[in-house]
All heavy atoms as atom14 arrays in JSON, in Angstrom:
{
  "sequence": "GEPFLWSIEPHAISEFVSKRGFRLMEIALTQDLTANDSSLDGE",
  "atom14_mask": [
    [1, 1, 1, 1, 0, 0, 0, 0, 0, 0, 0, 0, 0, 0],
    [1, 1, 1, 1, 1, 1, 1, 1, 1, 0, 0, 0, 0, 0],
    [1, 1, 1, 1, 1, 1, 1, 0, 0, 0, 0, 0, 0, 0],
    [1, 1, 1, 1, 1, 1, 1, 1, 1, 1, 1, 0, 0, 0],
    [1, 1, 1, 1, 1, 1, 1, 1, 0, 0, 0, 0, 0, 0],
    [1, 1, 1, 1, 1, 1, 1, 1, 1, 1, 1, 1, 1, 1],
    [1, 1, 1, 1, 1, 1, 0, 0, 0, 0, 0, 0, 0, 0],
    [1, 1, 1, 1, 1, 1, 1, 1, 0, 0, 0, 0, 0, 0],
    [1, 1, 1, 1, 1, 1, 1, 1, 1, 0, 0, 0, 0, 0],
    [1, 1, 1, 1, 1, 1, 1, 0, 0, 0, 0, 0, 0, 0],
    [1, 1, 1, 1, 1, 1, 1, 1, 1, 1, 0, 0, 0, 0],
    [1, 1, 1, 1, 1, 0, 0, 0, 0, 0, 0, 0, 0, 0],
    [1, 1, 1, 1, 1, 1, 1, 1, 0, 0, 0, 0, 0, 0],
    [1, 1, 1, 1, 1, 1, 0, 0, 0, 0, 0, 0, 0, 0],
    [1, 1, 1, 1, 1, 1, 1, 1, 1, 0, 0, 0, 0, 0],
    [1, 1, 1, 1, 1, 1, 1, 1, 1, 1, 1, 0, 0, 0],
    [1, 1, 1, 1, 1, 1, 1, 0, 0, 0, 0, 0, 0, 0],
    [1, 1, 1, 1, 1, 1, 0, 0, 0, 0, 0, 0, 0, 0],
    [1, 1, 1, 1, 1, 1, 1, 1, 1, 0, 0, 0, 0, 0],
    [1, 1, 1, 1, 1, 1, 1, 1, 1, 1, 1, 0, 0, 0],
    [1, 1, 1, 1, 0, 0, 0, 0, 0, 0, 0, 0, 0, 0],
    [1, 1, 1, 1, 1, 1, 1, 1, 1, 1, 1, 0, 0, 0],
    [1, 1, 1, 1, 1, 1, 1, 1, 1, 1, 1, 0, 0, 0],
    [1, 1, 1, 1, 1, 1, 1, 1, 0, 0, 0, 0, 0, 0],
    [1, 1, 1, 1, 1, 1, 1, 1, 0, 0, 0, 0, 0, 0],
    [1, 1, 1, 1, 1, 1, 1, 1, 1, 0, 0, 0, 0, 0],
    [1, 1, 1, 1, 1, 1, 1, 1, 0, 0, 0, 0, 0, 0],
    [1, 1, 1, 1, 1, 0, 0, 0, 0, 0, 0, 0, 0, 0],
    [1, 1, 1, 1, 1, 1, 1, 1, 0, 0, 0, 0, 0, 0],
    [1, 1, 1, 1, 1, 1, 1, 0, 0, 0, 0, 0, 0, 0],
    [1, 1, 1, 1, 1, 1, 1, 1, 1, 0, 0, 0, 0, 0],
    [1, 1, 1, 1, 1, 1, 1, 1, 0, 0, 0, 0, 0, 0],
    [1, 1, 1, 1, 1, 1, 1, 1, 0, 0, 0, 0, 0, 0],
    [1, 1, 1, 1, 1, 1, 1, 0, 0, 0, 0, 0, 0, 0],
    [1, 1, 1, 1, 1, 0, 0, 0, 0, 0, 0, 0, 0, 0],
    [1, 1, 1, 1, 1, 1, 1, 1, 0, 0, 0, 0, 0, 0],
    [1, 1, 1, 1, 1, 1, 1, 1, 0, 0, 0, 0, 0, 0],
    [1, 1, 1, 1, 1, 1, 0, 0, 0, 0, 0, 0, 0, 0],
    [1, 1, 1, 1, 1, 1, 0, 0, 0, 0, 0, 0, 0, 0],
    [1, 1, 1, 1, 1, 1, 1, 1, 0, 0, 0, 0, 0, 0],
    [1, 1, 1, 1, 1, 1, 1, 1, 0, 0, 0, 0, 0, 0],
    [1, 1, 1, 1, 0, 0, 0, 0, 0, 0, 0, 0, 0, 0],
    [1, 1, 1, 1, 1, 1, 1, 1, 1, 0, 0, 0, 0, 0]
  ],
  "atom14_positions": [
    [[0.81, -1.22, -0.01], [0.0, 0.01, 0.0], [0.85, 1.24, 0.01], [0.53, 2.22, 0.69], [0.0, 0.0, 0.0], [0.0, 0.0, 0.0], [0.0, 0.0, 0.0], [0.0, 0.0, 0.0], [0.0, 0.0, 0.0], [0.0, 0.0, 0.0], [0.0, 0.0, 0.0], [0.0, 0.0, 0.0], [0.0, 0.0, 0.0], [0.0, 0.0, 0.0]],
    [[1.9, 1.24, -0.8], [2.81, 2.38, -0.84], [2.88, 2.95, -2.26], [3.91, 2.89, -2.93], [4.21, 1.94, -0.39], [4.25, 1.52, 1.06], [5.68, 1.28, 1.54], [6.63, 1.84, 0.99], [5.83, 0.51, 2.49], [0.0, 0.0, 0.0], [0.0, 0.0, 0.0], [0.0, 0.0, 0.0], [0.0, 0.0, 0.0], [0.0, 0.0, 0.0]],
    [[1.81, 3.6, -2.71], [1.86, 4.19, -4.06], [2.61, 5.5, -4.0], [2.57, 6.22, -3.01], [0.36, 4.44, -4.34], [-0.24, 4.67, -2.97], [0.51, 3.76, -2.03], [0.0, 0.0, 0.0], [0.0, 0.0, 0.0], [0.0, 0.0, 0.0], [0.0, 0.0, 0.0], [0.0, 0.0, 0.0], [0.0, 0.0, 0.0], [0.0, 0.0, 0.0]],
    [[3.28, 5.83, -5.09], [3.98, 7.09, -5.2], [2.95, 8.13, -5.72], [2.53, 8.06, -6.86], [5.16, 6.99, -6.15], [6.22, 6.03, -5.69], [6.8, 5.17, -6.56], [6.58, 5.95, -4.35], [7.77, 4.27, -6.14], [7.52, 5.05, -3.9], [8.13, 4.2, -4.82], [0.0, 0.0, 0.0], [0.0, 0.0, 0.0], [0.0, 0.0, 0.0]],
    [[2.55, 9.05, -4.85], [1.52, 10.01, -5.2], [2.04, 11.37, -5.64], [1.32, 12.14, -6.24], [0.55, 10.2, -4.01], [-0.13, 8.91, -3.5], [-0.93, 9.22, -2.24], [-1.0, 8.36, -4.6], [0.0, 0.0, 0.0], [0.0, 0.0, 0.0], [0.0, 0.0, 0.0], [0.0, 0.0, 0.0], [0.0, 0.0, 0.0], [0.0, 0.0, 0.0]],
    [[3.27, 11.69, -5.23], [3.87, 12.96, -5.54], [5.3, 12.79, -6.03], [6.04, 12.01, -5.44], [3.84, 13.9, -4.33], [4.42, 15.26, -4.58], [3.87, 16.27, -5.28], [5.68, 15.75, -4.11], [4.68, 17.36, -5.3], [5.83, 17.07, -4.59], [6.7, 15.2, -3.38], [6.93, 17.84, -4.32], [7.84, 15.98, -3.11], [7.91, 17.26, -3.58]],
    [[5.64, 13.46, -7.08], [7.01, 13.43, -7.58], [7.32, 14.78, -8.22], [6.4, 15.57, -8.47], [7.18, 12.31, -8.61], [6.29, 12.52, -9.74], [0.0, 0.0, 0.0], [0.0, 0.0, 0.0], [0.0, 0.0, 0.0], [0.0, 0.0, 0.0], [0.0, 0.0, 0.0], [0.0, 0.0, 0.0], [0.0, 0.0, 0.0], [0.0, 0.0, 0.0]],
    [[8.6, 15.03, -8.37], [9.04, 16.3, -8.95], [10.39, 16.07, -9.63], [11.16, 15.16, -9.23], [9.15, 17.4, -7.84], [9.42, 18.78, -8.4], [10.16, 16.99, -6.8], [9.29, 19.9, -7.39], [0.0, 0.0, 0.0], [0.0, 0.0, 0.0], [0.0, 0.0, 0.0], [0.0, 0.0, 0.0], [0.0, 0.0, 0.0], [0.0, 0.0, 0.0]],
    [[10.66, 16.86, -10.64], [11.95, 16.74, -11.29], [13.04, 17.23, -10.33], [12.85, 18.29, -9.68], [12.02, 17.59, -12.56], [11.06, 17.17, -13.64], [9.66, 17.83, -13.51], [9.4, 18.51, -12.48], [8.84, 17.66, -14.41], [0.0, 0.0, 0.0], [0.0, 0.0, 0.0], [0.0, 0.0, 0.0], [0.0, 0.0, 0.0], [0.0, 0.0, 0.0]],
    [[14.12, 16.51, -10.17], [15.18, 16.92, -9.2], [15.65, 18.39, -9.41], [15.9, 19.09, -8.45], [16.3, 15.92, -9.42], [15.56, 14.67, -9.87], [14.45, 15.19, -10.74], [0.0, 0.0, 0.0], [0.0, 0.0, 0.0], [0.0, 0.0, 0.0], [0.0, 0.0, 0.0], [0.0, 0.0, 0.0], [0.0, 0.0, 0.0], [0.0, 0.0, 0.0]],
    [[15.74, 18.81, -10.66], [16.21, 20.17, -10.92], [15.23, 21.23, -10.42], [15.57, 22.41, -10.29], [16.52, 20.38, -12.41], [15.27, 20.37, -13.28], [14.46, 21.44, -13.46], [14.74, 19.34, -14.01], [13.48, 21.11, -14.26], [13.59, 19.82, -14.6], [0.0, 0.0, 0.0], [0.0, 0.0, 0.0], [0.0, 0.0, 0.0], [0.0, 0.0, 0.0]],
    [[13.98, 20.84, -10.15], [12.95, 21.8, -9.74], [12.76, 21.88, -8.21], [11.99, 22.68, -7.73], [11.61, 21.43, -10.37], [0.0, 0.0, 0.0], [0.0, 0.0, 0.0], [0.0, 0.0, 0.0], [0.0, 0.0, 0.0], [0.0, 0.0, 0.0], [0.0, 0.0, 0.0], [0.0, 0.0, 0.0], [0.0, 0.0, 0.0], [0.0, 0.0, 0.0]],
    [[13.48, 21.06, -7.47], [13.23, 20.96, -6.02], [13.68, 22.25, -5.28], [12.98, 22.69, -4.32], [13.9, 19.71, -5.37], [13.24, 19.39, -4.02], [15.4, 19.85, -5.27], [11.86, 18.9, -4.08], [0.0, 0.0, 0.0], [0.0, 0.0, 0.0], [0.0, 0.0, 0.0], [0.0, 0.0, 0.0], [0.0, 0.0, 0.0], [0.0, 0.0, 0.0]],
    [[14.72, 22.89, -5.74], [15.18, 24.11, -5.11], [14.09, 25.22, -5.2], [13.78, 25.89, -4.21], [16.49, 24.65, -5.72], [16.92, 25.8, -5.07], [0.0, 0.0, 0.0], [0.0, 0.0, 0.0], [0.0, 0.0, 0.0], [0.0, 0.0, 0.0], [0.0, 0.0, 0.0], [0.0, 0.0, 0.0], [0.0, 0.0, 0.0], [0.0, 0.0, 0.0]],
    [[13.56, 25.39, -6.37], [12.46, 26.36, -6.57], [11.21, 25.97, -5.76], [10.56, 26.85, -5.18], [12.13, 26.49, -8.05], [11.03, 27.5, -8.32], [10.65, 27.63, -9.77], [11.34, 26.97, -10.64], [9.73, 28.41, -10.08], [0.0, 0.0, 0.0], [0.0, 0.0, 0.0], [0.0, 0.0, 0.0], [0.0, 0.0, 0.0], [0.0, 0.0, 0.0]],
    [[10.91, 24.71, -5.72], [9.74, 24.22, -4.97], [9.85, 24.6, -3.49], [8.93, 25.18, -2.94], [9.59, 22.71, -5.12], [8.47, 22.15, -4.3], [7.16, 22.16, -4.79], [8.68, 21.62, -3.05], [6.11, 21.68, -4.02], [7.65, 21.13, -2.27], [6.36, 21.15, -2.78], [0.0, 0.0, 0.0], [0.0, 0.0, 0.0], [0.0, 0.0, 0.0]],
    [[10.98, 24.3, -2.83], [11.08, 24.62, -1.42], [11.2, 26.11, -1.2], [10.7, 26.66, -0.21], [12.23, 23.83, -0.72], [11.99, 22.33, -0.78], [13.6, 24.19, -1.27], [0.0, 0.0, 0.0], [0.0, 0.0, 0.0], [0.0, 0.0, 0.0], [0.0, 0.0, 0.0], [0.0, 0.0, 0.0], [0.0, 0.0, 0.0], [0.0, 0.0, 0.0]],
    [[11.86, 26.82, -2.1], [11.98, 28.27, -2.02], [10.64, 28.97, -2.04], [10.39, 29.89, -1.23], [12.89, 28.79, -3.15], [12.97, 30.2, -3.09], [0.0, 0.0, 0.0], [0.0, 0.0, 0.0], [0.0, 0.0, 0.0], [0.0, 0.0, 0.0], [0.0, 0.0, 0.0], [0.0, 0.0, 0.0], [0.0, 0.0, 0.0], [0.0, 0.0, 0.0]],
    [[9.75, 28.55, -2.89], [8.42, 29.13, -2.95], [7.63, 28.89, -1.69], [6.62, 29.53, -1.44], [7.62, 28.52, -4.13], [8.02, 29.07, -5.49], [7.14, 28.5, -6.57], [7.47, 29.09, -7.9], [6.64, 28.52, -8.97], [0.0, 0.0, 0.0], [0.0, 0.0, 0.0], [0.0, 0.0, 0.0], [0.0, 0.0, 0.0], [0.0, 0.0, 0.0]],
    [[8.07, 27.94, -0.86], [7.38, 27.63, 0.4], [8.14, 28.15, 1.6], [7.88, 27.76, 2.73], [7.16, 26.13, 0.49], [5.95, 25.79, -0.34], [6.1, 24.56, -1.18], [4.99, 24.54, -2.14], [5.08, 24.97, -3.4], [6.23, 25.44, -3.85], [4.05, 24.95, -4.2], [0.0, 0.0, 0.0], [0.0, 0.0, 0.0], [0.0, 0.0, 0.0]],
    [[9.09, 29.09, 1.39], [9.78, 29.74, 2.46], [11.0, 29.01, 3.01], [11.49, 29.35, 4.08], [0.0, 0.0, 0.0], [0.0, 0.0, 0.0], [0.0, 0.0, 0.0], [0.0, 0.0, 0.0], [0.0, 0.0, 0.0], [0.0, 0.0, 0.0], [0.0, 0.0, 0.0], [0.0, 0.0, 0.0], [0.0, 0.0, 0.0], [0.0, 0.0, 0.0]],
    [[11.51, 28.06, 2.26], [12.69, 27.31, 2.69], [13.86, 27.5, 1.73], [13.66, 27.88, 0.57], [12.35, 25.83, 2.79], [11.49, 25.47, 3.97], [10.12, 25.71, 3.96], [12.08, 24.97, 5.14], [9.36, 25.39, 5.09], [11.29, 24.68, 6.22], [9.93, 24.88, 6.2], [0.0, 0.0, 0.0], [0.0, 0.0, 0.0], [0.0, 0.0, 0.0]],
    [[15.04, 27.2, 2.22], [16.25, 27.23, 1.4], [16.79, 25.86, 1.29], [16.94, 25.13, 2.3], [17.27, 28.15, 2.08], [18.6, 28.25, 1.36], [19.53, 29.22, 2.09], [19.87, 28.79, 3.42], [20.85, 27.96, 3.76], [21.62, 27.46, 2.8], [21.09, 27.65, 5.01], [0.0, 0.0, 0.0], [0.0, 0.0, 0.0], [0.0, 0.0, 0.0]],
    [[17.07, 25.43, 0.07], [17.66, 24.11, -0.17], [19.09, 24.12, 0.39], [19.89, 24.95, 0.04], [17.68, 23.78, -1.66], [18.33, 22.45, -2.03], [17.5, 21.29, -1.48], [18.46, 22.34, -3.54], [0.0, 0.0, 0.0], [0.0, 0.0, 0.0], [0.0, 0.0, 0.0], [0.0, 0.0, 0.0], [0.0, 0.0, 0.0], [0.0, 0.0, 0.0]],
    [[19.35, 23.18, 1.28], [20.68, 23.04, 1.84], [21.47, 21.93, 1.13], [22.65, 22.08, 0.87], [20.63, 22.75, 3.34], [19.99, 23.87, 4.11], [19.89, 23.55, 5.86], [21.64, 23.49, 6.28], [0.0, 0.0, 0.0], [0.0, 0.0, 0.0], [0.0, 0.0, 0.0], [0.0, 0.0, 0.0], [0.0, 0.0, 0.0], [0.0, 0.0, 0.0]],
    [[20.77, 20.82, 0.9], [21.46, 19.71, 0.22], [20.44, 18.79, -0.46], [19.32, 18.64, 0.05], [22.25, 18.89, 1.28], [23.16, 17.87, 0.68], [24.12, 17.32, 1.71], [24.26, 17.82, 2.81], [24.76, 16.28, 1.37], [0.0, 0.0, 0.0], [0.0, 0.0, 0.0], [0.0, 0.0, 0.0], [0.0, 0.0, 0.0], [0.0, 0.0, 0.0]],
    [[20.86, 18.22, -1.56], [20.06, 17.23, -2.25], [21.0, 16.08, -2.54], [22.14, 16.27, -2.97], [19.41, 17.78, -3.52], [18.52, 16.69, -4.18], [20.41, 18.33, -4.47], [17.68, 17.17, -5.34], [0.0, 0.0, 0.0], [0.0, 0.0, 0.0], [0.0, 0.0, 0.0], [0.0, 0.0, 0.0], [0.0, 0.0, 0.0], [0.0, 0.0, 0.0]],
    [[20.51, 14.85, -2.27], [21.29, 13.65, -2.61], [20.44, 12.81, -3.54], [19.37, 12.3, -3.13], [21.61, 12.87, -1.32], [0.0, 0.0, 0.0], [0.0, 0.0, 0.0], [0.0, 0.0, 0.0], [0.0, 0.0, 0.0], [0.0, 0.0, 0.0], [0.0, 0.0, 0.0], [0.0, 0.0, 0.0], [0.0, 0.0, 0.0], [0.0, 0.0, 0.0]],
    [[20.88, 12.68, -4.77], [20.19, 11.87, -5.75], [20.58, 10.4, -5.51], [21.55, 10.08, -4.86], [20.59, 12.3, -7.17], [20.34, 13.76, -7.5], [20.86, 14.08, -8.89], [18.88, 14.11, -7.37], [0.0, 0.0, 0.0], [0.0, 0.0, 0.0], [0.0, 0.0, 0.0], [0.0, 0.0, 0.0], [0.0, 0.0, 0.0], [0.0, 0.0, 0.0]],
    [[19.75, 9.52, -6.06], [19.97, 8.09, -5.9], [21.4, 7.67, -6.24], [22.06, 6.96, -5.51], [18.97, 7.25, -6.75], [17.68, 7.67, -6.42], [19.13, 5.79, -6.48], [0.0, 0.0, 0.0], [0.0, 0.0, 0.0], [0.0, 0.0, 0.0], [0.0, 0.0, 0.0], [0.0, 0.0, 0.0], [0.0, 0.0, 0.0], [0.0, 0.0, 0.0]],
    [[21.92, 8.19, -7.35], [23.25, 7.87, -7.76], [24.31, 8.31, -6.73], [25.39, 7.71, -6.62], [23.6, 8.46, -9.13], [22.87, 7.84, -10.25], [21.52, 8.53, -10.48], [21.24, 9.57, -9.93], [20.71, 7.91, -11.3], [0.0, 0.0, 0.0], [0.0, 0.0, 0.0], [0.0, 0.0, 0.0], [0.0, 0.0, 0.0], [0.0, 0.0, 0.0]],
    [[24.02, 9.38, -5.97], [24.93, 9.83, -4.94], [24.98, 8.85, -3.79], [25.96, 8.82, -3.01], [24.52, 11.19, -4.41], [24.47, 12.28, -5.44], [25.23, 12.18, -6.44], [23.66, 13.22, -5.28], [0.0, 0.0, 0.0], [0.0, 0.0, 0.0], [0.0, 0.0, 0.0], [0.0, 0.0, 0.0], [0.0, 0.0, 0.0], [0.0, 0.0, 0.0]],
    [[23.91, 8.07, -3.6], [23.78, 7.19, -2.43], [24.08, 5.73, -2.76], [24.08, 4.9, -1.87], [22.35, 7.31, -1.9], [21.94, 8.72, -1.5], [20.43, 8.76, -1.18], [22.76, 9.21, -0.34], [0.0, 0.0, 0.0], [0.0, 0.0, 0.0], [0.0, 0.0, 0.0], [0.0, 0.0, 0.0], [0.0, 0.0, 0.0], [0.0, 0.0, 0.0]],
    [[24.32, 5.41, -4.02], [24.57, 4.04, -4.44], [25.97, 3.93, -5.01], [26.66, 4.92, -5.21], [23.54, 3.57, -5.5], [23.61, 4.42, -6.63], [22.14, 3.59, -4.94], [0.0, 0.0, 0.0], [0.0, 0.0, 0.0], [0.0, 0.0, 0.0], [0.0, 0.0, 0.0], [0.0, 0.0, 0.0], [0.0, 0.0, 0.0], [0.0, 0.0, 0.0]],
    [[26.37, 2.71, -5.29], [27.69, 2.47, -5.9], [27.77, 3.19, -7.25], [26.77, 3.35, -7.95], [27.88, 0.98, -6.07], [0.0, 0.0, 0.0], [0.0, 0.0, 0.0], [0.0, 0.0, 0.0], [0.0, 0.0, 0.0], [0.0, 0.0, 0.0], [0.0, 0.0, 0.0], [0.0, 0.0, 0.0], [0.0, 0.0, 0.0], [0.0, 0.0, 0.0]],
    [[28.96, 3.61, -7.6], [29.17, 4.34, -8.86], [28.69, 3.6, -10.06], [28.3, 4.24, -11.05], [30.63, 4.72, -8.99], [31.08, 5.74, -8.0], [30.27, 6.46, -7.41], [32.38, 5.82, -7.75], [0.0, 0.0, 0.0], [0.0, 0.0, 0.0], [0.0, 0.0, 0.0], [0.0, 0.0, 0.0], [0.0, 0.0, 0.0], [0.0, 0.0, 0.0]],
    [[28.68, 2.28, -10.02], [28.3, 1.52, -11.21], [26.8, 1.17, -11.22], [26.34, 0.48, -12.1], [29.14, 0.24, -11.34], [28.98, -0.65, -10.11], [28.45, -0.21, -9.08], [29.38, -1.85, -10.16], [0.0, 0.0, 0.0], [0.0, 0.0, 0.0], [0.0, 0.0, 0.0], [0.0, 0.0, 0.0], [0.0, 0.0, 0.0], [0.0, 0.0, 0.0]],
    [[26.08, 1.72, -10.24], [24.66, 1.41, -10.16], [23.85, 2.21, -11.14], [24.13, 3.39, -11.37], [24.12, 1.73, -8.74], [22.74, 1.54, -8.71], [0.0, 0.0, 0.0], [0.0, 0.0, 0.0], [0.0, 0.0, 0.0], [0.0, 0.0, 0.0], [0.0, 0.0, 0.0], [0.0, 0.0, 0.0], [0.0, 0.0, 0.0], [0.0, 0.0, 0.0]],
    [[22.87, 1.6, -11.78], [22.0, 2.33, -12.7], [20.69, 2.67, -12.01], [19.8, 3.25, -12.62], [21.75, 1.47, -13.94], [21.06, 0.29, -13.59], [0.0, 0.0, 0.0], [0.0, 0.0, 0.0], [0.0, 0.0, 0.0], [0.0, 0.0, 0.0], [0.0, 0.0, 0.0], [0.0, 0.0, 0.0], [0.0, 0.0, 0.0], [0.0, 0.0, 0.0]],
    [[20.55, 2.32, -10.72], [19.3, 2.61, -9.98], [19.11, 4.09, -9.91], [20.01, 4.87, -9.63], [19.4, 1.99, -8.57], [18.15, 2.17, -7.69], [16.98, 1.36, -8.32], [18.41, 1.66, -6.28], [0.0, 0.0, 0.0], [0.0, 0.0, 0.0], [0.0, 0.0, 0.0], [0.0, 0.0, 0.0], [0.0, 0.0, 0.0], [0.0, 0.0, 0.0]],
    [[17.85, 4.5, -10.07], [17.51, 5.92, -10.04], [16.09, 6.05, -9.54], [15.29, 5.11, -9.67], [17.65, 6.55, -11.41], [17.76, 8.09, -11.34], [17.78, 8.64, -10.25], [17.82, 8.7, -12.44], [0.0, 0.0, 0.0], [0.0, 0.0, 0.0], [0.0, 0.0, 0.0], [0.0, 0.0, 0.0], [0.0, 0.0, 0.0], [0.0, 0.0, 0.0]],
    [[15.73, 7.21, -8.96], [14.33, 7.45, -8.62], [14.08, 8.12, -7.32], [13.39, 9.11, -7.25], [0.0, 0.0, 0.0], [0.0, 0.0, 0.0], [0.0, 0.0, 0.0], [0.0, 0.0, 0.0], [0.0, 0.0, 0.0], [0.0, 0.0, 0.0], [0.0, 0.0, 0.0], [0.0, 0.0, 0.0], [0.0, 0.0, 0.0], [0.0, 0.0, 0.0]],
    [[14.63, 7.62, -6.2], [14.36, 8.18, -4.89], [15.52, 9.12, -4.47], [16.67, 8.76, -4.61], [14.17, 7.16, -3.82], [13.71, 7.76, -2.48], [13.33, 6.69, -1.43], [13.49, 5.5, -1.71], [12.9, 7.11, -0.38], [0.0, 0.0, 0.0], [0.0, 0.0, 0.0], [0.0, 0.0, 0.0], [0.0, 0.0, 0.0], [0.0, 0.0, 0.0]]
  ]
}
């Protein structure tokens, strides 16, 4: 029962949080969190 209901393009996240009164401090893409040879992407 874990459907993905909301998503956003990673390049748009800074503007998204900024419009809501926040400053982006850091973003870690899936490739940043997995082995360099991983093709996994998404979260």
